Amino acid sequence: MYLVYACVVCMFPLARASVDALKAWKDTELPLVHALSSEITIQRENLTYHLGEEWQKLAVWKLPSTKSNYSFLKTALHLNRGGSKGDESVPHALLPSILQALSIQGELHKKIKLFGQVLFKYMLKPLIIYPSLVVEVSSQPEQGAVLSLQCTETKAEHPDPSQVYTKVLTVLKTLHEHLFGKFFGDQKNEKKVSEILGDLIWEEMSECIIRECLVHSIPANSSQLAEYSEVIKQTEDFESSLKEMGYLIGDSTDLLKYARNINCHFASKKCQDVIVAARKLMTSEMHNTVKITPEYKLSIPKLPSSSGGEKERKESSKKRAHYDQQSLENEKQLSPNTLCLPVCRISESVQQLMELAIQTLSEVVGSSPQCAVQLFYTVRNIFHLFYDVVPTYHKDNFLKLPHLAAIQHNNCMFIAHHLLTLGFQFKPHLPLKDGVAYFVDLVPGFRRLGARCFVAQMNVQKAEMLERLSTARNFSNLDDEDNYSVASKAIRQVIHQLRRLGKVWQDVLPVNIYCKAIGTLLNTAISELINKIMMLEDISNVDGERLRTLCQTIIEEGPLVFNPLPDENKNKKYQEEVPVYVKKWMTLKEISMVLNANLQEIVDRWAEGKGPLAVEFSCNEMKSLIRALFKNTERRAAALAKIVK
């Protein structure tokens, strides 16, 4: 029957040509011509239908009826021999005739295209994506072979290239043996069906293998790159097998190019993973901190010496020996803590971020120049990302929480400190031109970023402090109990605010920054109090006593807010140095004395413009204060006359 199909199909073109020739004659209106033309069309369609039935008998799909996670386990492909049960060899011999008949009819490409789409969607793609799936081939003597999918236990999240290649080859080899390994066409244009199938599915299948398999097989670090040569060899063997069966034509494909270009893909994947990890650290909580001491050093792996390094080391050792032999009088050595970070606390995430940057830079050793440059600029991008992401992501917390603002300040100073030398440590291993700034150019920006964040928090604290002092009714008419109570409450709230900040920043900020910050805020409160007192035009005896009481409260309790260290005994040193950090401290002491002094004591302390009062106040300020404190008498006039410089 198959031979009859082939013979009939070959006669159709001749019959159609004869009818077309008859139509070209003058007597084309003959009913016979129309009848022949219609009959040819009917028989052609009839033959196409029967050939389609024969094709369906050769490859029978069993597909899942519903979509679910395990529906593909119901997929099966029955490859039938299609002949009589008594003679199994017949269909194999006549299969080319069926294929040739479908080809002449123009149906072969359509059939194989539809078959390829189903094959890829329900069998090849699941085998590529899921590492737990395997293909099972079972032989049935009377019918042929059955391809089915089975599930096995595995802990692998992504498929291994060798396993994927094995599974795909198992399917394609079975198809090649039973169906697609046959030739069709004449001797000049003889062609395998596998070539058509390969042309139709190869591009989509190779993209799937790259996306679902090879991408995940890229090494995580440069030390594993040498082992990847095995994957390249497996890919070459996979393509060779496909070429032998006729599924693939050509020498170089995108799949093999991808596998061979591992250095570029490794760098790209590494950079992507690094940026993702860095962003995760930047958006994590900042409360978890680690203590940094002058002895702290980042862990930098031992790097191999670059070319010419031995010679340079010998020369430098000779120079050191030469200088050691010279005895210098009055030789002064720098402190061991020179250029070291002061004691402070930074976020644990920032410490991990710097370790991530160093680990990434360590990967450049032994990498290709292109890979090394890409990794270097990825590390730079980490710090650019920090500069943009952290201030934006944590903006509200930096303004609300003084503790976090202090930590962010330390974080930026910590990063800036290490960026000074980070580039030079890896410079011999980076294929960059001379004049490249490496990371030094980022240092000023990070210092400004840390300072800007902390200054913003300081402004918030100043605003709160001034708002509290604004409730004191300008410190006027304190002889009224209500006014005095409000003013006293405002002063105590300011002291409480400073104590709270002192506890929050204790053991977090470096000692010098801590003292400057607390001193600046205390100075703001003192300046506000002094300004309000100087603006008073009339100060009664009761007002003077109570204003002095408020001043004394600050003088007595102000130093106690300086607690940069957890050990109270060590804080006494900084409490005694309050005048160093509070600019108006001596001014406050002097105005407190004036509020309780008589005219002669004030004149004596002015000392003709050379006394301590003259240091803190101008002539006009002192005269204004005297006029507010004392009534207009000859003694007051005499005292005012002596307030000159």
Foldseek 3Di string as FASTA:
>chain_A
DLVVLLVVLVCLVVLVVVLVVCCPDPVNVDVVSVVSVVVSVVVLVVSVVVLVVLVCLQKPWQAFPDDDPCRLQRTKIFGFLSDDQVDSCVSVVSLQSSLQSCVSSVNNLVVLLVVLVCCCPRPLLVLQQDQQKAWDWDADSRTGIMIGIDGHDDPDNAHELLSSLVRVCVVVVSCCVRPFVDWYDDPVPIDTNLLSSLVNCVVVSLVSNVVRYVLVVQDQFLVCPVVLVVVLVSVVVSVVSCVVSNSDDDDDDPNSVVSVPSLVSNLVVNLVVLLVLLVVLLLDDQPAKDKFAQVDDQDADDADDFPPRVVVVVVVVVVVVVVVVDDDPPDDDDDPSVLGDHIAMAGPSLSVNVNSLNSLQNRLRVGDQVSNVSSLVSSVVSVVCSLPPNCVSCVVVLQVPLLVLLNLLVSLQVVLSCLCCVCVVSVSSHPDDPPDPSRNVCNVVSNVSSVVSNVSNLVSLLVVLVVLQVQLVLLPPVVDVVSLVSNLVSLVVLLVSLLVSLVSQASHHRLVVSLLSSQVSLLSNLVSLVVSLLPAQAAELVSLVSSLVSLVVCVVSVLVSRHNYPDPVVSVVSSVVSCVNRVCNLVSVVSSDVSVDDLVVVLVQCVQLPHSNNVNDALVSVLSNLSRYDPDDPSNVVSNVSSDD
